[in-house]
């Protein structure tokens, strides 16, 4: 499976439209994959205006394709009655081998496909970064927060010692 690099959006010339910060809190991210997303004309215009929410979204395999479910792309005002439904399922554009591998991991290992961020690449195409993730239990979340706090304290102590 082709994994995305750890480069930030500014390194690649991409512009973040929506980021699902809650996903990093609720899930252990195992693997990241970049996917295209099939949008209508009014949807891409709304995306370019930044009117997107990934908060309750997830992806699921269905009939040999991966679908983004629950993402909210606000209606584009200028589209009038030619607009779109804000929460309709949207098809993700992946290679067949990627779809098969992601489907297998979700079905066999009980993992979840979570959207992490929606962005426009340097060519202006909408891309969605999805992750294969395992849900965290409540105590896992507390441990992750404690670990982050400990790392911050160590960093502060090292900076103070370096002065």
C-alpha atoms as a PDB file:
ATOM      1  CA  UNK A   1       0.000   0.000   0.000  1.00  0.00           C
ATOM      2  CA  UNK A   2       1.397   3.388  -0.937  1.00  0.00           C
ATOM      3  CA  UNK A   3       1.662   5.469   2.185  1.00  0.00           C
ATOM      4  CA  UNK A   4       1.691   9.226   2.112  1.00  0.00           C
ATOM      5  CA  UNK A   5       4.827  10.913   3.289  1.00  0.00           C
ATOM      6  CA  UNK A   6       4.965  12.920   6.476  1.00  0.00           C
ATOM      7  CA  UNK A   7       5.365  16.186   4.585  1.00  0.00           C
ATOM      8  CA  UNK A   8       3.023  18.946   5.642  1.00  0.00           C
ATOM      9  CA  UNK A   9       0.601  20.719   3.332  1.00  0.00           C
ATOM     10  CA  UNK A  10       2.929  23.697   3.005  1.00  0.00           C
ATOM     11  CA  UNK A  11       5.773  21.429   1.803  1.00  0.00           C
ATOM     12  CA  UNK A  12       3.693  19.953  -1.028  1.00  0.00           C
ATOM     13  CA  UNK A  13       2.026  23.178  -2.152  1.00  0.00           C
ATOM     14  CA  UNK A  14      -1.336  21.908  -0.891  1.00  0.00           C
ATOM     15  CA  UNK A  15      -3.928  24.008   0.925  1.00  0.00           C
ATOM     16  CA  UNK A  16      -5.837  22.427   3.801  1.00  0.00           C
ATOM     17  CA  UNK A  17      -9.580  22.927   3.583  1.00  0.00           C
ATOM     18  CA  UNK A  18     -10.755  20.807   6.537  1.00  0.00           C
ATOM     19  CA  UNK A  19      -8.880  18.844   9.195  1.00  0.00           C
ATOM     20  CA  UNK A  20     -10.460  16.208  11.425  1.00  0.00           C
ATOM     21  CA  UNK A  21      -8.529  16.876  14.643  1.00  0.00           C
ATOM     22  CA  UNK A  22     -10.883  14.699  16.652  1.00  0.00           C
ATOM     23  CA  UNK A  23      -9.705  11.634  14.708  1.00  0.00           C
ATOM     24  CA  UNK A  24      -6.228  11.916  16.244  1.00  0.00           C
ATOM     25  CA  UNK A  25      -7.829  11.879  19.708  1.00  0.00           C
ATOM     26  CA  UNK A  26     -10.364   9.094  19.147  1.00  0.00           C
ATOM     27  CA  UNK A  27      -8.273   6.702  17.025  1.00  0.00           C
ATOM     28  CA  UNK A  28      -4.813   5.158  16.791  1.00  0.00           C
ATOM     29  CA  UNK A  29      -3.719   5.969  13.233  1.00  0.00           C
ATOM     30  CA  UNK A  30      -2.078   2.896  11.666  1.00  0.00           C
ATOM     31  CA  UNK A  31      -1.699   3.891   8.014  1.00  0.00           C
ATOM     32  CA  UNK A  32      -2.488   6.931   5.860  1.00  0.00           C
ATOM     33  CA  UNK A  33      -3.640   6.905   2.230  1.00  0.00           C
ATOM     34  CA  UNK A  34      -4.312   9.779  -0.179  1.00  0.00           C
ATOM     35  CA  UNK A  35      -7.477   9.489  -2.251  1.00  0.00           C
ATOM     36  CA  UNK A  36      -9.182  11.633  -4.840  1.00  0.00           C
ATOM     37  CA  UNK A  37     -12.821  12.469  -4.258  1.00  0.00           C
ATOM     38  CA  UNK A  38     -15.589  12.593  -6.875  1.00  0.00           C
ATOM     39  CA  UNK A  39     -17.397  15.930  -6.504  1.00  0.00           C
ATOM     40  CA  UNK A  40     -20.027  17.785  -8.497  1.00  0.00           C
ATOM     41  CA  UNK A  41     -19.445  21.327  -9.763  1.00  0.00           C
ATOM     42  CA  UNK A  42     -21.268  23.027  -6.900  1.00  0.00           C
ATOM     43  CA  UNK A  43     -19.443  20.840  -4.362  1.00  0.00           C
ATOM     44  CA  UNK A  44     -15.945  21.750  -5.567  1.00  0.00           C
ATOM     45  CA  UNK A  45     -16.870  25.443  -5.511  1.00  0.00           C
ATOM     46  CA  UNK A  46     -18.074  25.075  -1.934  1.00  0.00           C
ATOM     47  CA  UNK A  47     -14.877  23.175  -1.037  1.00  0.00           C
ATOM     48  CA  UNK A  48     -12.758  25.994  -2.474  1.00  0.00           C
ATOM     49  CA  UNK A  49     -14.654  28.392  -0.189  1.00  0.00           C
ATOM     50  CA  UNK A  50     -13.737  26.153   2.765  1.00  0.00           C
ATOM     51  CA  UNK A  51     -17.295  25.189   3.704  1.00  0.00           C
ATOM     52  CA  UNK A  52     -16.520  21.590   4.668  1.00  0.00           C
ATOM     53  CA  UNK A  53     -16.774  19.568   7.875  1.00  0.00           C
ATOM     54  CA  UNK A  54     -15.279  16.096   8.408  1.00  0.00           C
ATOM     55  CA  UNK A  55     -16.311  15.798  12.071  1.00  0.00           C
ATOM     56  CA  UNK A  56     -18.755  12.885  11.820  1.00  0.00           C
ATOM     57  CA  UNK A  57     -17.426  11.438   8.591  1.00  0.00           C
ATOM     58  CA  UNK A  58     -16.073   7.977   7.928  1.00  0.00           C
ATOM     59  CA  UNK A  59     -15.302   5.884   4.865  1.00  0.00           C
ATOM     60  CA  UNK A  60     -16.640   2.420   4.122  1.00  0.00           C
ATOM     61  CA  UNK A  61     -16.141  -0.161   1.392  1.00  0.00           C
ATOM     62  CA  UNK A  62     -19.220  -0.993  -0.621  1.00  0.00           C
ATOM     63  CA  UNK A  63     -19.595  -2.913  -3.908  1.00  0.00           C
ATOM     64  CA  UNK A  64     -15.889  -2.745  -4.746  1.00  0.00           C
ATOM     65  CA  UNK A  65     -15.546   0.985  -4.052  1.00  0.00           C
ATOM     66  CA  UNK A  66     -14.775   3.158  -1.032  1.00  0.00           C
ATOM     67  CA  UNK A  67     -17.411   5.759  -0.090  1.00  0.00           C
ATOM     68  CA  UNK A  68     -17.073   8.810   2.142  1.00  0.00           C
ATOM     69  CA  UNK A  69     -20.148   8.974   4.374  1.00  0.00           C
ATOM     70  CA  UNK A  70     -21.261  11.779   6.682  1.00  0.00           C
ATOM     71  CA  UNK A  71     -18.977  14.552   5.419  1.00  0.00           C
ATOM     72  CA  UNK A  72     -20.773  17.893   5.205  1.00  0.00           C
ATOM     73  CA  UNK A  73     -20.080  20.109   2.193  1.00  0.00           C
ATOM     74  CA  UNK A  74     -22.306  23.180   2.460  1.00  0.00           C
ATOM     75  CA  UNK A  75     -24.552  24.109  -0.438  1.00  0.00           C
ATOM     76  CA  UNK A  76     -23.097  26.578  -2.907  1.00  0.00           C
ATOM     77  CA  UNK A  77     -25.396  29.607  -2.902  1.00  0.00           C
ATOM     78  CA  UNK A  78     -24.890  30.567  -6.541  1.00  0.00           C
ATOM     79  CA  UNK A  79     -25.901  27.064  -7.724  1.00  0.00           C
ATOM     80  CA  UNK A  80     -29.578  27.748  -6.880  1.00  0.00           C
ATOM     81  CA  UNK A  81     -31.672  24.643  -7.650  1.00  0.00           C
ATOM     82  CA  UNK A  82     -28.737  22.919  -9.422  1.00  0.00           C
ATOM     83  CA  UNK A  83     -26.976  22.463  -6.073  1.00  0.00           C
ATOM     84  CA  UNK A  84     -26.167  19.307  -4.166  1.00  0.00           C
ATOM     85  CA  UNK A  85     -27.241  17.495  -1.018  1.00  0.00           C
ATOM     86  CA  UNK A  86     -24.759  18.495   1.747  1.00  0.00           C
ATOM     87  CA  UNK A  87     -24.348  15.049   3.349  1.00  0.00           C
ATOM     88  CA  UNK A  88     -24.601  12.710   0.357  1.00  0.00           C
ATOM     89  CA  UNK A  89     -22.141   9.773   0.132  1.00  0.00           C
ATOM     90  CA  UNK A  90     -19.175  10.591  -2.112  1.00  0.00           C
ATOM     91  CA  UNK A  91     -17.033   8.090  -3.991  1.00  0.00           C
ATOM     92  CA  UNK A  92     -13.320   8.050  -3.246  1.00  0.00           C
ATOM     93  CA  UNK A  93     -10.965   7.573  -6.169  1.00  0.00           C
ATOM     94  CA  UNK A  94      -8.404   4.876  -5.435  1.00  0.00           C
ATOM     95  CA  UNK A  95      -6.612   2.179  -7.388  1.00  0.00           C
ATOM     96  CA  UNK A  96      -8.364  -1.191  -7.362  1.00  0.00           C
ATOM     97  CA  UNK A  97      -5.537  -2.786  -5.368  1.00  0.00           C
ATOM     98  CA  UNK A  98      -5.822  -0.054  -2.723  1.00  0.00           C
ATOM     99  CA  UNK A  99      -9.585  -0.561  -2.497  1.00  0.00           C
ATOM    100  CA  UNK A 100      -9.127  -4.315  -2.077  1.00  0.00           C
ATOM    101  CA  UNK A 101      -6.466  -3.938   0.606  1.00  0.00           C
ATOM    102  CA  UNK A 102      -8.420  -1.315   2.570  1.00  0.00           C
ATOM    103  CA  UNK A 103     -11.609  -3.400   2.320  1.00  0.00           C
ATOM    104  CA  UNK A 104      -9.760  -6.468   3.572  1.00  0.00           C
ATOM    105  CA  UNK A 105      -8.312  -4.616   6.567  1.00  0.00           C
ATOM    106  CA  UNK A 106     -11.674  -3.155   7.532  1.00  0.00           C
ATOM    107  CA  UNK A 107     -13.543  -6.463   7.235  1.00  0.00           C
ATOM    108  CA  UNK A 108     -10.978  -8.882   8.670  1.00  0.00           C
ATOM    109  CA  UNK A 109      -9.190  -6.836  11.298  1.00  0.00           C
ATOM    110  CA  UNK A 110     -12.165  -4.745  12.428  1.00  0.00           C
ATOM    111  CA  UNK A 111     -10.472  -1.428  11.687  1.00  0.00           C
ATOM    112  CA  UNK A 112     -12.083   1.830  10.587  1.00  0.00           C
ATOM    113  CA  UNK A 113     -11.407   4.202   7.677  1.00  0.00           C
ATOM    114  CA  UNK A 114     -11.327   7.743   9.036  1.00  0.00           C
ATOM    115  CA  UNK A 115     -10.872  10.937   6.982  1.00  0.00           C
ATOM    116  CA  UNK A 116      -8.055  13.056   8.401  1.00  0.00           C
ATOM    117  CA  UNK A 117      -7.980  16.078   6.116  1.00  0.00           C
ATOM    118  CA  UNK A 118      -9.413  17.432   2.890  1.00  0.00           C
ATOM    119  CA  UNK A 119      -7.110  19.636   0.860  1.00  0.00           C
ATOM    120  CA  UNK A 120      -6.511  21.058  -2.584  1.00  0.00           C
ATOM    121  CA  UNK A 121      -3.221  19.962  -4.133  1.00  0.00           C
ATOM    122  CA  UNK A 122      -1.022  22.320  -6.129  1.00  0.00           C
ATOM    123  CA  UNK A 123      -3.004  21.468  -9.292  1.00  0.00           C
ATOM    124  CA  UNK A 124      -6.253  22.504  -7.558  1.00  0.00           C
ATOM    125  CA  UNK A 125      -7.653  18.971  -7.242  1.00  0.00           C
ATOM    126  CA  UNK A 126      -9.515  17.989  -4.074  1.00  0.00           C
ATOM    127  CA  UNK A 127      -7.745  15.197  -2.193  1.00  0.00           C
ATOM    128  CA  UNK A 128      -8.761  13.396   0.967  1.00  0.00           C
ATOM    129  CA  UNK A 129      -6.271  11.855   3.356  1.00  0.00           C
ATOM    130  CA  UNK A 130      -7.872   8.814   4.950  1.00  0.00           C
ATOM    131  CA  UNK A 131      -6.409   6.608   7.650  1.00  0.00           C
ATOM    132  CA  UNK A 132      -6.775   3.004   8.622  1.00  0.00           C
ATOM    133  CA  UNK A 133      -7.412   3.406  12.330  1.00  0.00           C
ATOM    134  CA  UNK A 134      -8.267   1.485  15.478  1.00  0.00           C
ATOM    135  CA  UNK A 135     -10.690   3.085  17.914  1.00  0.00           C
ATOM    136  CA  UNK A 136      -9.286   4.053  21.308  1.00  0.00           C
ATOM    137  CA  UNK A 137     -10.996   3.173  24.524  1.00  0.00           C
ATOM    138  CA  UNK A 138     -11.476   5.798  27.212  1.00  0.00           C
ATOM    139  CA  UNK A 139      -8.427   4.730  29.221  1.00  0.00           C
ATOM    140  CA  UNK A 140      -6.292   4.717  26.044  1.00  0.00           C
ATOM    141  CA  UNK A 141      -7.209   8.367  25.494  1.00  0.00           C
ATOM    142  CA  UNK A 142      -6.147   9.252  29.033  1.00  0.00           C
ATOM    143  CA  UNK A 143      -2.838   7.429  28.555  1.00  0.00           C
ATOM    144  CA  UNK A 144      -2.202   9.261  25.270  1.00  0.00           C
ATOM    145  CA  UNK A 145      -2.872  12.622  26.929  1.00  0.00           C
ATOM    146  CA  UNK A 146      -0.570  11.744  29.849  1.00  0.00           C
ATOM    147  CA  UNK A 147       2.184  10.642  27.433  1.00  0.00           C
ATOM    148  CA  UNK A 148       1.876  13.906  25.456  1.00  0.00           C
ATOM    149  CA  UNK A 149       2.052  15.961  28.649  1.00  0.00           C
ATOM    150  CA  UNK A 150       5.156  14.049  29.795  1.00  0.00           C
ATOM    151  CA  UNK A 151       6.854  14.665  26.449  1.00  0.00           C
ATOM    152  CA  UNK A 152       6.056  18.379  26.662  1.00  0.00           C
ATOM    153  CA  UNK A 153       7.489  18.562  30.180  1.00  0.00           C
ATOM    154  CA  UNK A 154      10.679  16.800  29.068  1.00  0.00           C
ATOM    155  CA  UNK A 155      11.029  19.209  26.142  1.00  0.00           C
ATOM    156  CA  UNK A 156      10.568  22.202  28.433  1.00  0.00           C
ATOM    157  CA  UNK A 157      13.133  20.827  30.891  1.00  0.00           C
ATOM    158  CA  UNK A 158      15.653  20.266  28.084  1.00  0.00           C
ATOM    159  CA  UNK A 159      15.163  23.790  26.778  1.00  0.00           C
ATOM    160  CA  UNK A 160      15.607  25.235  30.269  1.00  0.00           C
ATOM    161  CA  UNK A 161      18.765  23.153  30.783  1.00  0.00           C
ATOM    162  CA  UNK A 162      20.169  24.315  27.429  1.00  0.00           C
ATOM    163  CA  UNK A 163      20.005  27.992  28.445  1.00  0.00           C
END
